[in-house]
Amino acid sequence: MADHWQAGRFRLQLQAPLVMGIVNVTPDSFSDGGQHAEARQAIAHAQSLRDQGADILDIGGESSRPGSPRLSHEQEWARIAPVLRELVRWNIPISVDTYQPDTMRRALALGADIINDIHALRVPGAQEAVAASTAGVCLMHMQGEPGSMQQAPHYDDVGREVRTFLLERADVLRTLGVAPSRIALDPGFGFGKTLEHNLALAHTLNSLVAEGYPVLIGVSRKSMLGAMAGRKVTDRLAGSLAAALACIASGAQIVRVHDVGPTVDAIKVWRAMRV
């Protein structure tokens, strides 16, 4: 299990789980689309998440919900840039959620500490952009594309296939000179996966953790929770907390969430009471 994540200006210790707060500067994200679509609103939301105890702030300008439209680099950057310019002045690691190399380069030049990529740096130019920096990177597994990924996902062994893919992507970065301490892995709950696939991933998460990279998970408010608990997206806090703690118990070290305050509290109580 990794003991730290090197992310730009920060050496993030992983002895206790870290909470990454979601700052969506989008009109169409599945859970909070439109709530923080303007820069002023997004910055205020980021401040609230920091005050609630977020360890990392993750800025996204394009929704990755199933069926979501793709943006040009200029459209994405126009959303992200004013928020990033403000947040990099704060003493907290700032992540940018993007798969577009041009956005990566501009974000890194502006001072972003982490690139969080749902495509695992497979877009031409992306891996070189990250390798040329000192930023941390999160490589996520996704089968297919956001527009079609939930239509008919198929795996023979989802845990093994996801693990193999992520390790191969990490190896590519390492050949480009990226230190393993800069690389985190995300199994991609809900990205090209059925409920059964997601549950199988959760049950085998410890095997991914055992590879020695920091493991980041994102289950907050996702449809898999609605399928299990029968709750609509606005009523999935309890399920989100339970899923986050289950993944932490299996070794996940970073949790990406919408509800930072309740997650911070849940982790504190879980750590105090665990046997």
Protein backbone atom coordinates (compact mmCIF):
# COMPACT_ATOMS: atom_id res chain seq x y z
CA MET A 1 0.00 0.00 0.00
CA ALA A 2 1.33 3.45 -0.93
CA ASP A 3 2.38 5.77 1.89
CA HIS A 4 2.23 9.05 -0.06
CA TRP A 5 1.14 10.67 -3.32
CA GLN A 6 3.48 13.24 -4.84
CA ALA A 7 1.31 15.92 -6.42
CA GLY A 8 2.99 19.05 -7.70
CA ARG A 9 3.62 21.35 -4.73
CA PHE A 10 2.44 18.71 -2.25
CA ARG A 11 3.57 15.40 -0.79
CA LEU A 12 0.25 13.96 0.34
CA GLN A 13 0.53 11.52 3.23
CA LEU A 14 -1.79 8.52 2.94
CA GLN A 15 -1.75 7.12 6.46
CA ALA A 16 -5.32 8.44 6.78
CA PRO A 17 -7.81 8.56 3.88
CA LEU A 18 -7.92 11.80 1.91
CA VAL A 19 -11.14 13.48 0.77
CA MET A 20 -11.22 15.05 -2.71
CA GLY A 21 -14.05 17.56 -3.06
CA ILE A 22 -15.82 17.86 -6.42
CA VAL A 23 -16.05 21.34 -7.96
CA ASN A 24 -18.13 20.95 -11.13
CA VAL A 25 -18.15 24.07 -13.32
CA THR A 26 -20.79 22.51 -15.57
CA PRO A 27 -24.45 22.99 -16.46
CA ASP A 28 -25.13 19.28 -16.96
CA SER A 29 -23.33 17.06 -14.42
CA PHE A 30 -25.56 14.21 -13.26
CA SER A 31 -25.86 15.33 -9.64
CA ASP A 32 -25.13 19.03 -9.32
CA GLY A 33 -25.19 20.31 -12.90
CA GLY A 34 -25.85 24.04 -13.05
CA GLN A 35 -25.48 24.65 -9.33
CA HIS A 36 -21.94 26.03 -9.69
CA ALA A 37 -21.76 26.71 -13.44
CA GLU A 38 -20.54 30.28 -13.01
CA ALA A 39 -16.99 30.92 -11.80
CA ARG A 40 -18.15 32.95 -8.80
CA GLN A 41 -20.48 30.15 -7.69
CA ALA A 42 -17.81 27.48 -8.23
CA ILE A 43 -15.23 29.41 -6.20
CA ALA A 44 -17.69 29.89 -3.35
CA HIS A 45 -18.49 26.18 -3.45
CA ALA A 46 -14.79 25.31 -3.41
CA GLN A 47 -14.33 27.53 -0.36
CA SER A 48 -17.18 25.73 1.37
CA LEU A 49 -15.64 22.32 0.59
CA ARG A 50 -12.27 23.46 1.91
CA ASP A 51 -13.91 24.73 5.09
CA GLN A 52 -15.65 21.35 5.50
CA GLY A 53 -12.28 19.58 5.48
CA ALA A 54 -11.49 18.68 1.88
CA ASP A 55 -7.87 17.61 1.42
CA ILE A 56 -7.94 18.14 -2.37
CA LEU A 57 -10.21 20.14 -4.69
CA ASP A 58 -11.02 18.67 -8.12
CA ILE A 59 -12.20 21.12 -10.81
CA GLY A 60 -14.14 19.76 -13.78
CA GLY A 61 -15.46 21.66 -16.79
CA GLU A 62 -17.09 18.82 -18.74
CA SER A 63 -19.68 16.36 -17.53
CA SER A 64 -18.83 12.66 -17.88
CA ARG A 65 -22.34 11.39 -17.14
CA PRO A 66 -23.65 8.75 -19.59
CA GLY A 67 -24.74 10.42 -22.81
CA SER A 68 -23.08 13.74 -22.05
CA PRO A 69 -21.86 15.85 -25.02
CA ARG A 70 -18.17 16.47 -25.65
CA LEU A 71 -16.68 19.96 -25.38
CA SER A 72 -13.91 21.62 -27.35
CA HIS A 73 -10.74 22.48 -25.48
CA GLU A 74 -11.61 26.18 -25.64
CA GLN A 75 -15.09 25.61 -24.19
CA GLU A 76 -13.67 23.51 -21.35
CA TRP A 77 -10.87 25.95 -20.61
CA ALA A 78 -13.25 28.91 -20.53
CA ARG A 79 -15.13 27.20 -17.71
CA ILE A 80 -12.11 26.00 -15.75
CA ALA A 81 -9.61 28.84 -16.08
CA PRO A 82 -11.14 31.55 -13.85
CA VAL A 83 -11.78 29.02 -11.07
CA LEU A 84 -8.32 27.50 -11.32
CA ARG A 85 -6.64 30.93 -11.25
CA GLU A 86 -8.23 31.60 -7.88
CA LEU A 87 -7.88 28.15 -6.32
CA VAL A 88 -4.17 27.72 -7.05
CA ARG A 89 -3.57 30.67 -4.71
CA TRP A 90 -4.94 28.59 -1.82
CA ASN A 91 -2.76 26.28 0.25
CA ILE A 92 -4.50 23.10 -0.90
CA PRO A 93 -3.78 20.64 -3.72
CA ILE A 94 -5.77 21.47 -6.86
CA SER A 95 -6.76 18.77 -9.33
CA VAL A 96 -8.14 19.34 -12.82
CA ASP A 97 -10.51 16.71 -14.20
CA THR A 98 -9.82 16.60 -17.95
CA TYR A 99 -8.77 14.26 -20.75
CA GLN A 100 -7.78 17.03 -23.19
CA PRO A 101 -4.01 17.55 -23.56
CA ASP A 102 -4.32 21.28 -24.32
CA THR A 103 -6.32 21.79 -21.14
CA MET A 104 -3.78 19.74 -19.19
CA ARG A 105 -0.87 21.85 -20.43
CA ARG A 106 -2.60 25.13 -19.66
CA ALA A 107 -3.78 23.94 -16.25
CA LEU A 108 -0.30 22.73 -15.32
CA ALA A 109 1.25 25.99 -16.47
CA LEU A 110 -1.22 27.83 -14.24
CA GLY A 111 -0.21 25.74 -11.23
CA ALA A 112 -2.51 22.71 -11.04
CA ASP A 113 -1.08 19.94 -8.84
CA ILE A 114 -2.98 16.92 -10.20
CA ILE A 115 -4.44 15.81 -13.53
CA ASN A 116 -7.44 13.51 -13.07
CA ASP A 117 -8.16 11.78 -16.39
CA ILE A 118 -11.09 9.44 -17.08
CA HIS A 119 -9.29 8.32 -20.25
CA ALA A 120 -6.07 7.43 -18.38
CA LEU A 121 -3.97 9.70 -20.64
CA ARG A 122 -4.84 7.78 -23.82
CA VAL A 123 -5.62 10.88 -25.91
CA PRO A 124 -2.52 11.62 -28.03
CA GLY A 125 -0.30 14.14 -26.27
CA ALA A 126 -1.82 13.66 -22.81
CA GLN A 127 0.83 11.41 -21.30
CA GLU A 128 3.61 13.66 -22.59
CA ALA A 129 1.92 16.72 -21.08
CA VAL A 130 1.85 15.11 -17.64
CA ALA A 131 5.31 13.57 -17.94
CA ALA A 132 6.81 17.01 -18.61
CA SER A 133 5.44 18.32 -15.30
CA THR A 134 5.82 17.48 -11.60
CA ALA A 135 2.08 16.96 -11.15
CA GLY A 136 0.38 13.95 -9.70
CA VAL A 137 -1.93 12.04 -12.01
CA CYS A 138 -4.96 9.82 -11.52
CA LEU A 139 -5.49 7.17 -14.19
CA MET A 140 -9.08 5.92 -14.40
CA HIS A 141 -10.52 2.87 -16.12
CA MET A 142 -13.45 3.36 -18.47
CA GLN A 143 -14.82 0.88 -20.99
CA GLY A 144 -16.02 2.79 -24.04
CA GLU A 145 -16.91 6.50 -24.11
CA PRO A 146 -19.24 8.50 -21.84
CA GLY A 147 -21.81 8.77 -24.61
CA SER A 148 -22.19 5.00 -24.99
CA MET A 149 -20.36 3.36 -22.09
CA GLN A 150 -23.49 2.06 -20.34
CA GLN A 151 -25.17 0.53 -23.37
CA ALA A 152 -23.69 -2.99 -23.18
CA PRO A 153 -20.57 -3.21 -21.01
CA HIS A 154 -18.98 -6.67 -20.96
CA TYR A 155 -16.10 -8.27 -19.05
CA ASP A 156 -14.93 -11.82 -18.53
CA ASP A 157 -13.24 -10.88 -15.23
CA VAL A 158 -13.82 -7.24 -14.42
CA GLY A 159 -11.41 -7.02 -11.49
CA ARG A 160 -8.53 -8.58 -13.40
CA GLU A 161 -9.20 -6.63 -16.59
CA VAL A 162 -9.44 -3.27 -14.82
CA ARG A 163 -6.28 -3.98 -12.83
CA THR A 164 -4.34 -5.06 -15.93
CA PHE A 165 -5.40 -1.96 -17.85
CA LEU A 166 -4.43 0.44 -15.07
CA LEU A 167 -1.07 -1.20 -14.48
CA GLU A 168 -0.29 -1.06 -18.20
CA ARG A 169 -1.12 2.65 -18.28
CA ALA A 170 1.05 3.26 -15.20
CA ASP A 171 3.93 1.37 -16.84
CA VAL A 172 3.70 3.64 -19.90
CA LEU A 173 4.05 6.70 -17.69
CA ARG A 174 6.97 5.19 -15.84
CA THR A 175 8.81 4.61 -19.13
CA LEU A 176 8.38 8.36 -19.75
CA GLY A 177 10.11 9.11 -16.45
CA VAL A 178 7.09 9.64 -14.22
CA ALA A 179 7.87 8.45 -10.70
CA PRO A 180 5.43 5.82 -9.38
CA SER A 181 4.77 8.03 -6.34
CA ARG A 182 3.07 10.50 -8.70
CA ILE A 183 0.60 7.93 -10.06
CA ALA A 184 -2.78 7.09 -8.53
CA LEU A 185 -5.24 4.53 -9.92
CA ASP A 186 -9.04 4.71 -10.10
CA PRO A 187 -11.03 1.59 -11.04
CA GLY A 188 -13.79 3.77 -12.50
CA PHE A 189 -16.95 2.73 -10.69
CA GLY A 190 -19.91 3.36 -13.00
CA PHE A 191 -17.85 4.01 -16.14
CA GLY A 192 -18.81 1.29 -18.59
CA LYS A 193 -19.93 -1.07 -15.84
CA THR A 194 -23.18 -2.66 -14.69
CA LEU A 195 -24.16 -2.91 -11.04
CA GLU A 196 -22.77 -6.44 -11.00
CA HIS A 197 -19.46 -5.22 -12.41
CA ASN A 198 -19.28 -2.45 -9.82
CA LEU A 199 -19.91 -4.88 -6.97
CA ALA A 200 -17.27 -7.26 -8.30
CA LEU A 201 -14.80 -4.36 -8.48
CA ALA A 202 -15.56 -3.45 -4.88
CA HIS A 203 -15.06 -7.04 -3.77
CA THR A 204 -11.64 -7.22 -5.46
CA LEU A 205 -10.45 -3.68 -4.70
CA ASN A 206 -7.82 -4.93 -2.27
CA SER A 207 -5.98 -6.62 -5.15
CA LEU A 208 -5.59 -3.25 -6.88
CA VAL A 209 -4.44 -1.65 -3.63
CA ALA A 210 -1.83 -4.39 -3.25
CA GLU A 211 -0.07 -3.18 -6.42
CA GLY A 212 1.38 -0.32 -4.36
CA TYR A 213 -0.10 2.74 -6.05
CA PRO A 214 -2.46 5.16 -4.28
CA VAL A 215 -6.02 4.12 -5.11
CA LEU A 216 -8.70 6.76 -5.63
CA ILE A 217 -12.38 5.87 -5.83
CA GLY A 218 -15.44 7.82 -6.88
CA VAL A 219 -18.81 6.40 -5.87
CA SER A 220 -20.51 9.57 -4.62
CA ARG A 221 -24.24 9.72 -5.54
CA LYS A 222 -23.80 7.30 -8.44
CA SER A 223 -26.58 5.26 -10.03
CA MET A 224 -25.16 2.04 -8.57
CA LEU A 225 -26.21 3.36 -5.16
CA GLY A 226 -29.66 4.14 -6.45
CA ALA A 227 -29.94 0.62 -7.80
CA MET A 228 -28.97 -0.88 -4.45
CA ALA A 229 -30.94 1.40 -2.13
CA GLY A 230 -33.76 2.55 -4.39
CA ARG A 231 -32.94 6.25 -3.90
CA LYS A 232 -32.96 9.10 -6.40
CA VAL A 233 -29.76 11.06 -6.97
CA THR A 234 -30.67 13.80 -4.47
CA ASP A 235 -31.16 11.25 -1.68
CA ARG A 236 -27.99 9.14 -1.83
CA LEU A 237 -25.88 10.59 0.98
CA ALA A 238 -26.21 7.54 3.23
CA GLY A 239 -25.36 5.20 0.37
CA SER A 240 -22.42 7.36 -0.67
CA LEU A 241 -20.98 7.29 2.85
CA ALA A 242 -21.45 3.54 3.18
CA ALA A 243 -19.80 2.88 -0.19
CA ALA A 244 -16.88 5.20 0.58
CA LEU A 245 -16.22 3.50 3.92
CA ALA A 246 -16.48 0.04 2.35
CA CYS A 247 -13.84 1.01 -0.21
CA ILE A 248 -11.63 2.58 2.45
CA ALA A 249 -11.87 -0.62 4.47
CA SER A 250 -10.52 -2.44 1.39
CA GLY A 251 -7.59 -0.04 1.17
CA ALA A 252 -8.72 2.92 -0.97
CA GLN A 253 -6.80 6.00 0.16
CA ILE A 254 -8.52 8.88 -1.65
CA VAL A 255 -12.29 9.30 -2.01
CA ARG A 256 -13.75 11.78 -4.52
CA VAL A 257 -17.06 13.09 -3.17
CA HIS A 258 -19.72 15.76 -3.43
CA ASP A 259 -20.58 15.78 0.30
CA VAL A 260 -17.27 16.60 1.95
CA GLY A 261 -18.37 17.43 5.50
CA PRO A 262 -20.37 14.24 6.11
CA THR A 263 -17.61 12.15 4.50
CA VAL A 264 -14.92 13.71 6.71
CA ASP A 265 -17.06 12.98 9.79
CA ALA A 266 -17.80 9.42 8.71
CA ILE A 267 -14.10 8.68 8.16
CA LYS A 268 -13.19 10.12 11.58
CA VAL A 269 -15.77 7.96 13.34
CA TRP A 270 -14.88 4.85 11.32
CA ARG A 271 -11.17 5.25 12.11
CA ALA A 272 -11.85 5.76 15.81
CA MET A 273 -14.16 2.76 16.13
CA ARG A 274 -12.58 0.17 13.85
CA VAL A 275 -11.12 -2.87 15.54
